């Protein structure tokens, strides 16, 4: 059975739609994060996005820029591989 690739479509600062593959979902304390990688980019670079609920019921994704928060997300991401 093939594993279905989950993707999200985000809009960049120039108004262009960019498709990302969801690499992993992680939980740090009570906050949810997505580790994503651009489908159009050949690099192995991943981005951490914090998931927040919007007032309209949708989800807002914010890029994690705080170094300490990013380290916590990276540790949680690495921990998922140690468990498997």
PDB file of N, CA and C in Angstrom:
ATOM      1  N   UNK A   1       0.834  -1.179   0.000  1.00  0.00           N
ATOM      2  CA  UNK A   1       0.000   0.000   0.000  1.00  0.00           C
ATOM      3  C   UNK A   1       0.880   1.244   0.000  1.00  0.00           C
ATOM      4  N   UNK A   2       0.589   2.182  -0.894  1.00  0.00           N
ATOM      5  CA  UNK A   2       1.377   3.400  -0.987  1.00  0.00           C
ATOM      6  C   UNK A   2       0.997   4.366   0.126  1.00  0.00           C
ATOM      7  N   UNK A   3       2.013   5.057   0.638  1.00  0.00           N
ATOM      8  CA  UNK A   3       1.764   6.081   1.640  1.00  0.00           C
ATOM      9  C   UNK A   3       1.351   7.360   0.917  1.00  0.00           C
ATOM     10  N   UNK A   4       0.230   7.926   1.317  1.00  0.00           N
ATOM     11  CA  UNK A   4      -0.258   9.158   0.708  1.00  0.00           C
ATOM     12  C   UNK A   4       0.563  10.331   1.234  1.00  0.00           C
ATOM     13  N   UNK A   5       1.027  11.167   0.321  1.00  0.00           N
ATOM     14  CA  UNK A   5       1.798  12.339   0.704  1.00  0.00           C
ATOM     15  C   UNK A   5       0.827  13.468   1.016  1.00  0.00           C
ATOM     16  N   UNK A   6       0.940  13.995   2.226  1.00  0.00           N
ATOM     17  CA  UNK A   6       0.092  15.113   2.637  1.00  0.00           C
ATOM     18  C   UNK A   6       0.779  16.413   2.243  1.00  0.00           C
ATOM     19  N   UNK A   7       0.032  17.312   1.642  1.00  0.00           N
ATOM     20  CA  UNK A   7       0.593  18.594   1.225  1.00  0.00           C
ATOM     21  C   UNK A   7      -0.286  19.739   1.723  1.00  0.00           C
ATOM     22  N   UNK A   8       0.338  20.913   1.810  1.00  0.00           N
ATOM     23  CA  UNK A   8      -0.397  22.135   2.104  1.00  0.00           C
ATOM     24  C   UNK A   8       0.038  23.187   1.095  1.00  0.00           C
ATOM     25  N   UNK A   9      -0.843  24.110   0.815  1.00  0.00           N
ATOM     26  CA  UNK A   9      -0.559  25.189  -0.123  1.00  0.00           C
ATOM     27  C   UNK A   9      -0.516  26.489   0.662  1.00  0.00           C
ATOM     28  N   UNK A  10       0.630  27.162   0.620  1.00  0.00           N
ATOM     29  CA  UNK A  10       0.808  28.426   1.330  1.00  0.00           C
ATOM     30  C   UNK A  10       1.096  29.532   0.329  1.00  0.00           C
ATOM     31  N   UNK A  11       0.829  30.755   0.727  1.00  0.00           N
ATOM     32  CA  UNK A  11       1.105  31.912  -0.116  1.00  0.00           C
ATOM     33  C   UNK A  11       2.313  32.646   0.447  1.00  0.00           C
ATOM     34  N   UNK A  12       3.320  32.895  -0.418  1.00  0.00           N
ATOM     35  CA  UNK A  12       4.527  33.584   0.041  1.00  0.00           C
ATOM     36  C   UNK A  12       4.312  35.098   0.081  1.00  0.00           C
ATOM     37  N   UNK A  13       5.359  35.821   0.495  1.00  0.00           N
ATOM     38  CA  UNK A  13       5.257  37.272   0.659  1.00  0.00           C
ATOM     39  C   UNK A  13       4.999  38.012  -0.655  1.00  0.00           C
ATOM     40  N   UNK A  14       5.225  37.356  -1.790  1.00  0.00           N
ATOM     41  CA  UNK A  14       4.983  37.959  -3.103  1.00  0.00           C
ATOM     42  C   UNK A  14       3.622  37.576  -3.687  1.00  0.00           C
ATOM     43  N   UNK A  15       2.822  36.844  -2.917  1.00  0.00           N
ATOM     44  CA  UNK A  15       1.505  36.438  -3.385  1.00  0.00           C
ATOM     45  C   UNK A  15       1.495  35.171  -4.218  1.00  0.00           C
ATOM     46  N   UNK A  16       2.642  34.486  -4.298  1.00  0.00           N
ATOM     47  CA  UNK A  16       2.738  33.242  -5.066  1.00  0.00           C
ATOM     48  C   UNK A  16       2.355  32.052  -4.194  1.00  0.00           C
ATOM     49  N   UNK A  17       1.594  31.127  -4.757  1.00  0.00           N
ATOM     50  CA  UNK A  17       1.263  29.897  -4.051  1.00  0.00           C
ATOM     51  C   UNK A  17       2.435  28.933  -4.133  1.00  0.00           C
ATOM     52  N   UNK A  18       2.791  28.354  -2.983  1.00  0.00           N
ATOM     53  CA  UNK A  18       3.890  27.393  -2.908  1.00  0.00           C
ATOM     54  C   UNK A  18       3.362  26.140  -2.216  1.00  0.00           C
ATOM     55  N   UNK A  19       3.571  24.982  -2.843  1.00  0.00           N
ATOM     56  CA  UNK A  19       3.103  23.723  -2.272  1.00  0.00           C
ATOM     57  C   UNK A  19       4.212  23.097  -1.436  1.00  0.00           C
ATOM     58  N   UNK A  20       3.843  22.638  -0.240  1.00  0.00           N
ATOM     59  CA  UNK A  20       4.783  22.014   0.677  1.00  0.00           C
ATOM     60  C   UNK A  20       4.312  20.610   1.025  1.00  0.00           C
ATOM     61  N   UNK A  21       5.270  19.711   1.161  1.00  0.00           N
ATOM     62  CA  UNK A  21       4.990  18.369   1.664  1.00  0.00           C
ATOM     63  C   UNK A  21       5.100  18.403   3.177  1.00  0.00           C
ATOM     64  N   UNK A  22       4.122  17.822   3.854  1.00  0.00           N
ATOM     65  CA  UNK A  22       4.174  17.717   5.308  1.00  0.00           C
ATOM     66  C   UNK A  22       5.060  16.522   5.638  1.00  0.00           C
ATOM     67  N   UNK A  23       6.228  16.806   6.206  1.00  0.00           N
ATOM     68  CA  UNK A  23       7.190  15.764   6.547  1.00  0.00           C
ATOM     69  C   UNK A  23       6.793  15.088   7.851  1.00  0.00           C
ATOM     70  N   UNK A  24       6.384  15.901   8.824  1.00  0.00           N
ATOM     71  CA  UNK A  24       6.044  15.363  10.144  1.00  0.00           C
ATOM     72  C   UNK A  24       5.192  16.379  10.894  1.00  0.00           C
ATOM     73  N   UNK A  25       4.379  15.882  11.801  1.00  0.00           N
ATOM     74  CA  UNK A  25       3.636  16.729  12.738  1.00  0.00           C
ATOM     75  C   UNK A  25       4.201  16.441  14.117  1.00  0.00           C
ATOM     76  N   UNK A  26       4.519  17.495  14.872  1.00  0.00           N
ATOM     77  CA  UNK A  26       5.071  17.300  16.210  1.00  0.00           C
ATOM     78  C   UNK A  26       4.315  18.165  17.210  1.00  0.00           C
ATOM     79  N   UNK A  27       4.342  17.725  18.451  1.00  0.00           N
ATOM     80  CA  UNK A  27       3.702  18.435  19.547  1.00  0.00           C
ATOM     81  C   UNK A  27       4.780  18.825  20.545  1.00  0.00           C
ATOM     82  N   UNK A  28       4.849  20.104  20.870  1.00  0.00           N
ATOM     83  CA  UNK A  28       5.791  20.604  21.871  1.00  0.00           C
ATOM     84  C   UNK A  28       4.955  21.323  22.916  1.00  0.00           C
ATOM     85  N   UNK A  29       4.987  20.773  24.116  1.00  0.00           N
ATOM     86  CA  UNK A  29       4.095  21.230  25.176  1.00  0.00           C
ATOM     87  C   UNK A  29       2.674  21.097  24.644  1.00  0.00           C
ATOM     88  N   UNK A  30       1.925  22.153  24.544  1.00  0.00           N
ATOM     89  CA  UNK A  30       0.567  22.050  23.990  1.00  0.00           C
ATOM     90  C   UNK A  30       0.463  22.678  22.607  1.00  0.00           C
ATOM     91  N   UNK A  31       1.600  22.991  22.004  1.00  0.00           N
ATOM     92  CA  UNK A  31       1.614  23.624  20.688  1.00  0.00           C
ATOM     93  C   UNK A  31       1.872  22.599  19.593  1.00  0.00           C
ATOM     94  N   UNK A  32       1.169  22.762  18.470  1.00  0.00           N
ATOM     95  CA  UNK A  32       1.321  21.856  17.328  1.00  0.00           C
ATOM     96  C   UNK A  32       2.183  22.522  16.264  1.00  0.00           C
ATOM     97  N   UNK A  33       3.046  21.714  15.659  1.00  0.00           N
ATOM     98  CA  UNK A  33       3.948  22.204  14.619  1.00  0.00           C
ATOM     99  C   UNK A  33       3.936  21.249  13.435  1.00  0.00           C
ATOM    100  N   UNK A  34       4.184  21.807  12.259  1.00  0.00           N
ATOM    101  CA  UNK A  34       4.401  21.010  11.062  1.00  0.00           C
ATOM    102  C   UNK A  34       5.840  21.202  10.620  1.00  0.00           C
ATOM    103  N   UNK A  35       6.481  20.123  10.226  1.00  0.00           N
ATOM    104  CA  UNK A  35       7.772  20.191   9.558  1.00  0.00           C
ATOM    105  C   UNK A  35       7.450  19.979   8.088  1.00  0.00           C
ATOM    106  N   UNK A  36       7.763  20.976   7.258  1.00  0.00           N
ATOM    107  CA  UNK A  36       7.398  20.919   5.843  1.00  0.00           C
ATOM    108  C   UNK A  36       8.613  21.147   4.964  1.00  0.00           C
ATOM    109  N   UNK A  37       8.502  20.669   3.735  1.00  0.00           N
ATOM    110  CA  UNK A  37       9.551  20.841   2.732  1.00  0.00           C
ATOM    111  C   UNK A  37       8.881  21.228   1.421  1.00  0.00           C
ATOM    112  N   UNK A  38       9.450  22.212   0.727  1.00  0.00           N
ATOM    113  CA  UNK A  38       8.874  22.673  -0.535  1.00  0.00           C
ATOM    114  C   UNK A  38       8.941  21.566  -1.579  1.00  0.00           C
ATOM    115  N   UNK A  39       7.836  21.331  -2.251  1.00  0.00           N
ATOM    116  CA  UNK A  39       7.793  20.313  -3.301  1.00  0.00           C
ATOM    117  C   UNK A  39       8.573  20.774  -4.526  1.00  0.00           C
ATOM    118  N   UNK A  40       8.565  22.082  -4.786  1.00  0.00           N
ATOM    119  CA  UNK A  40       9.228  22.629  -5.969  1.00  0.00           C
ATOM    120  C   UNK A  40      10.732  22.798  -5.799  1.00  0.00           C
ATOM    121  N   UNK A  41      11.232  22.658  -4.580  1.00  0.00           N
ATOM    122  CA  UNK A  41      12.649  22.881  -4.288  1.00  0.00           C
ATOM    123  C   UNK A  41      13.342  21.532  -4.136  1.00  0.00           C
ATOM    124  N   UNK A  42      14.485  21.361  -4.796  1.00  0.00           N
ATOM    125  CA  UNK A  42      15.215  20.091  -4.737  1.00  0.00           C
ATOM    126  C   UNK A  42      16.074  19.944  -3.485  1.00  0.00           C
ATOM    127  N   UNK A  43      16.176  20.977  -2.669  1.00  0.00           N
ATOM    128  CA  UNK A  43      17.023  20.893  -1.483  1.00  0.00           C
ATOM    129  C   UNK A  43      16.330  20.067  -0.398  1.00  0.00           C
ATOM    130  N   UNK A  44      17.097  19.657   0.588  1.00  0.00           N
ATOM    131  CA  UNK A  44      16.567  18.888   1.709  1.00  0.00           C
ATOM    132  C   UNK A  44      16.141  19.795   2.858  1.00  0.00           C
ATOM    133  N   UNK A  45      16.089  21.098   2.616  1.00  0.00           N
ATOM    134  CA  UNK A  45      15.768  22.058   3.661  1.00  0.00           C
ATOM    135  C   UNK A  45      14.319  21.908   4.101  1.00  0.00           C
ATOM    136  N   UNK A  46      14.123  21.902   5.401  1.00  0.00           N
ATOM    137  CA  UNK A  46      12.783  21.811   5.970  1.00  0.00           C
ATOM    138  C   UNK A  46      12.496  23.078   6.766  1.00  0.00           C
ATOM    139  N   UNK A  47      11.226  23.367   6.915  1.00  0.00           N
ATOM    140  CA  UNK A  47      10.782  24.558   7.625  1.00  0.00           C
ATOM    141  C   UNK A  47       9.828  24.114   8.726  1.00  0.00           C
ATOM    142  N   UNK A  48       9.941  24.737   9.897  1.00  0.00           N
ATOM    143  CA  UNK A  48       9.024  24.469  10.998  1.00  0.00           C
ATOM    144  C   UNK A  48       7.940  25.540  11.005  1.00  0.00           C
ATOM    145  N   UNK A  49       6.689  25.095  11.025  1.00  0.00           N
ATOM    146  CA  UNK A  49       5.552  26.004  11.062  1.00  0.00           C
ATOM    147  C   UNK A  49       4.722  25.720  12.305  1.00  0.00           C
ATOM    148  N   UNK A  50       4.407  26.763  13.047  1.00  0.00           N
ATOM    149  CA  UNK A  50       3.541  26.623  14.215  1.00  0.00           C
ATOM    150  C   UNK A  50       2.096  26.743  13.750  1.00  0.00           C
ATOM    151  N   UNK A  51       1.262  25.830  14.213  1.00  0.00           N
ATOM    152  CA  UNK A  51      -0.156  25.828  13.851  1.00  0.00           C
ATOM    153  C   UNK A  51      -0.946  26.565  14.930  1.00  0.00           C
ATOM    154  N   UNK A  52      -1.711  27.570  14.510  1.00  0.00           N
ATOM    155  CA  UNK A  52      -2.542  28.321  15.442  1.00  0.00           C
ATOM    156  C   UNK A  52      -3.961  28.384  14.897  1.00  0.00           C
ATOM    157  N   UNK A  53      -4.929  28.335  15.790  1.00  0.00           N
ATOM    158  CA  UNK A  53      -6.330  28.427  15.383  1.00  0.00           C
ATOM    159  C   UNK A  53      -6.698  29.884  15.159  1.00  0.00           C
ATOM    160  N   UNK A  54      -7.357  30.150  14.049  1.00  0.00           N
ATOM    161  CA  UNK A  54      -7.842  31.496  13.749  1.00  0.00           C
ATOM    162  C   UNK A  54      -9.253  31.657  14.303  1.00  0.00           C
ATOM    163  N   UNK A  55      -9.691  32.887  14.422  1.00  0.00           N
ATOM    164  CA  UNK A  55     -11.032  33.162  14.954  1.00  0.00           C
ATOM    165  C   UNK A  55     -12.132  32.586  14.073  1.00  0.00           C
ATOM    166  N   UNK A  56     -11.843  32.449  12.772  1.00  0.00           N
ATOM    167  CA  UNK A  56     -12.856  31.934  11.846  1.00  0.00           C
ATOM    168  C   UNK A  56     -12.893  30.410  11.781  1.00  0.00           C
ATOM    169  N   UNK A  57     -12.088  29.755  12.630  1.00  0.00           N
ATOM    170  CA  UNK A  57     -12.081  28.300  12.664  1.00  0.00           C
ATOM    171  C   UNK A  57     -11.038  27.654  11.777  1.00  0.00           C
ATOM    172  N   UNK A  58     -10.409  28.440  10.927  1.00  0.00           N
ATOM    173  CA  UNK A  58      -9.331  27.919  10.083  1.00  0.00           C
ATOM    174  C   UNK A  58      -8.036  27.831  10.879  1.00  0.00           C
ATOM    175  N   UNK A  59      -7.003  27.371  10.233  1.00  0.00           N
ATOM    176  CA  UNK A  59      -5.696  27.227  10.864  1.00  0.00           C
ATOM    177  C   UNK A  59      -4.726  28.231  10.242  1.00  0.00           C
ATOM    178  N   UNK A  60      -3.920  28.856  11.086  1.00  0.00           N
ATOM    179  CA  UNK A  60      -2.884  29.780  10.630  1.00  0.00           C
ATOM    180  C   UNK A  60      -1.542  29.095  10.852  1.00  0.00           C
ATOM    181  N   UNK A  61      -0.655  29.182   9.858  1.00  0.00           N
ATOM    182  CA  UNK A  61       0.685  28.626   9.970  1.00  0.00           C
ATOM    183  C   UNK A  61       1.678  29.774  10.075  1.00  0.00           C
ATOM    184  N   UNK A  62       2.485  29.766  11.136  1.00  0.00           N
ATOM    185  CA  UNK A  62       3.496  30.808  11.326  1.00  0.00           C
ATOM    186  C   UNK A  62       4.872  30.166  11.347  1.00  0.00           C
ATOM    187  N   UNK A  63       5.794  30.737  10.566  1.00  0.00           N
ATOM    188  CA  UNK A  63       7.154  30.222  10.526  1.00  0.00           C
ATOM    189  C   UNK A  63       7.815  30.430  11.890  1.00  0.00           C
ATOM    190  N   UNK A  64       8.476  29.399  12.386  1.00  0.00           N
ATOM    191  CA  UNK A  64       9.166  29.484  13.668  1.00  0.00           C
ATOM    192  C   UNK A  64      10.501  30.184  13.435  1.00  0.00           C
ATOM    193  N   UNK A  65      10.671  31.341  14.058  1.00  0.00           N
ATOM    194  CA  UNK A  65      11.894  32.110  13.889  1.00  0.00           C
ATOM    195  C   UNK A  65      12.692  32.233  15.176  1.00  0.00           C
ATOM    196  N   UNK A  66      12.040  32.034  16.323  1.00  0.00           N
ATOM    197  CA  UNK A  66      12.724  32.106  17.605  1.00  0.00           C
ATOM    198  C   UNK A  66      13.648  30.900  17.758  1.00  0.00           C
ATOM    199  N   UNK A  67      14.918  31.148  18.031  1.00  0.00           N
ATOM    200  CA  UNK A  67      15.930  30.085  18.074  1.00  0.00           C
ATOM    201  C   UNK A  67      15.632  29.038  19.150  1.00  0.00           C
ATOM    202  N   UNK A  68      15.208  29.464  20.328  1.00  0.00           N
ATOM    203  CA  UNK A  68      14.918  28.509  21.407  1.00  0.00           C
ATOM    204  C   UNK A  68      13.705  27.642  21.064  1.00  0.00           C
ATOM    205  N   UNK A  69      12.685  28.270  20.514  1.00  0.00           N
ATOM    206  CA  UNK A  69      11.495  27.520  20.107  1.00  0.00           C
ATOM    207  C   UNK A  69      11.844  26.528  18.998  1.00  0.00           C
ATOM    208  N   UNK A  70      12.672  26.965  18.055  1.00  0.00           N
ATOM    209  CA  UNK A  70      13.092  26.095  16.957  1.00  0.00           C
ATOM    210  C   UNK A  70      13.868  24.888  17.477  1.00  0.00           C
ATOM    211  N   UNK A  71      14.716  25.090  18.474  1.00  0.00           N
ATOM    212  CA  UNK A  71      15.472  23.981  19.061  1.00  0.00           C
ATOM    213  C   UNK A  71      14.539  22.966  19.715  1.00  0.00           C
ATOM    214  N   UNK A  72      13.484  23.440  20.376  1.00  0.00           N
ATOM    215  CA  UNK A  72      12.510  22.525  20.984  1.00  0.00           C
ATOM    216  C   UNK A  72      11.780  21.712  19.920  1.00  0.00           C
ATOM    217  N   UNK A  73      11.426  22.363  18.820  1.00  0.00           N
ATOM    218  CA  UNK A  73      10.738  21.677  17.727  1.00  0.00           C
ATOM    219  C   UNK A  73      11.664  20.646  17.085  1.00  0.00           C
ATOM    220  N   UNK A  74      12.923  21.025  16.867  1.00  0.00           N
ATOM    221  CA  UNK A  74      13.895  20.090  16.285  1.00  0.00           C
ATOM    222  C   UNK A  74      14.086  18.870  17.183  1.00  0.00           C
ATOM    223  N   UNK A  75      14.151  19.087  18.492  1.00  0.00           N
ATOM    224  CA  UNK A  75      14.316  17.973  19.431  1.00  0.00           C
ATOM    225  C   UNK A  75      13.103  17.044  19.386  1.00  0.00           C
ATOM    226  N   UNK A  76      11.907  17.607  19.314  1.00  0.00           N
ATOM    227  CA  UNK A  76      10.691  16.787  19.229  1.00  0.00           C
ATOM    228  C   UNK A  76      10.653  16.011  17.919  1.00  0.00           C
ATOM    229  N   UNK A  77      11.107  16.639  16.845  1.00  0.00           N
ATOM    230  CA  UNK A  77      11.155  15.986  15.532  1.00  0.00           C
ATOM    231  C   UNK A  77      12.123  14.803  15.566  1.00  0.00           C
ATOM    232  N   UNK A  78      13.307  15.015  16.126  1.00  0.00           N
ATOM    233  CA  UNK A  78      14.300  13.939  16.215  1.00  0.00           C
ATOM    234  C   UNK A  78      13.808  12.809  17.107  1.00  0.00           C
ATOM    235  N   UNK A  79      13.057  13.151  18.134  1.00  0.00           N
ATOM    236  CA  UNK A  79      12.524  12.154  19.062  1.00  0.00           C
ATOM    237  C   UNK A  79      11.542  11.208  18.366  1.00  0.00           C
ATOM    238  N   UNK A  80      10.834  11.686  17.353  1.00  0.00           N
ATOM    239  CA  UNK A  80       9.889  10.828  16.641  1.00  0.00           C
ATOM    240  C   UNK A  80      10.608   9.691  15.927  1.00  0.00           C
ATOM    241  N   UNK A  81      11.836   9.938  15.486  1.00  0.00           N
ATOM    242  CA  UNK A  81      12.598   8.893  14.808  1.00  0.00           C
ATOM    243  C   UNK A  81      13.203   7.911  15.798  1.00  0.00           C
ATOM    244  N   UNK A  82      13.525   8.381  16.993  1.00  0.00           N
ATOM    245  CA  UNK A  82      14.072   7.497  18.018  1.00  0.00           C
ATOM    246  C   UNK A  82      13.021   6.519  18.511  1.00  0.00           C
ATOM    247  N   UNK A  83      11.756   6.941  18.513  1.00  0.00           N
ATOM    248  CA  UNK A  83      10.667   6.084  18.980  1.00  0.00           C
ATOM    249  C   UNK A  83      10.331   4.989  17.981  1.00  0.00           C
ATOM    250  N   UNK A  84      10.579   5.238  16.701  1.00  0.00           N
ATOM    251  CA  UNK A  84      10.214   4.261  15.658  1.00  0.00           C
ATOM    252  C   UNK A  84      11.282   3.257  15.424  1.00  0.00           C
TER     253      UNK A  84
END
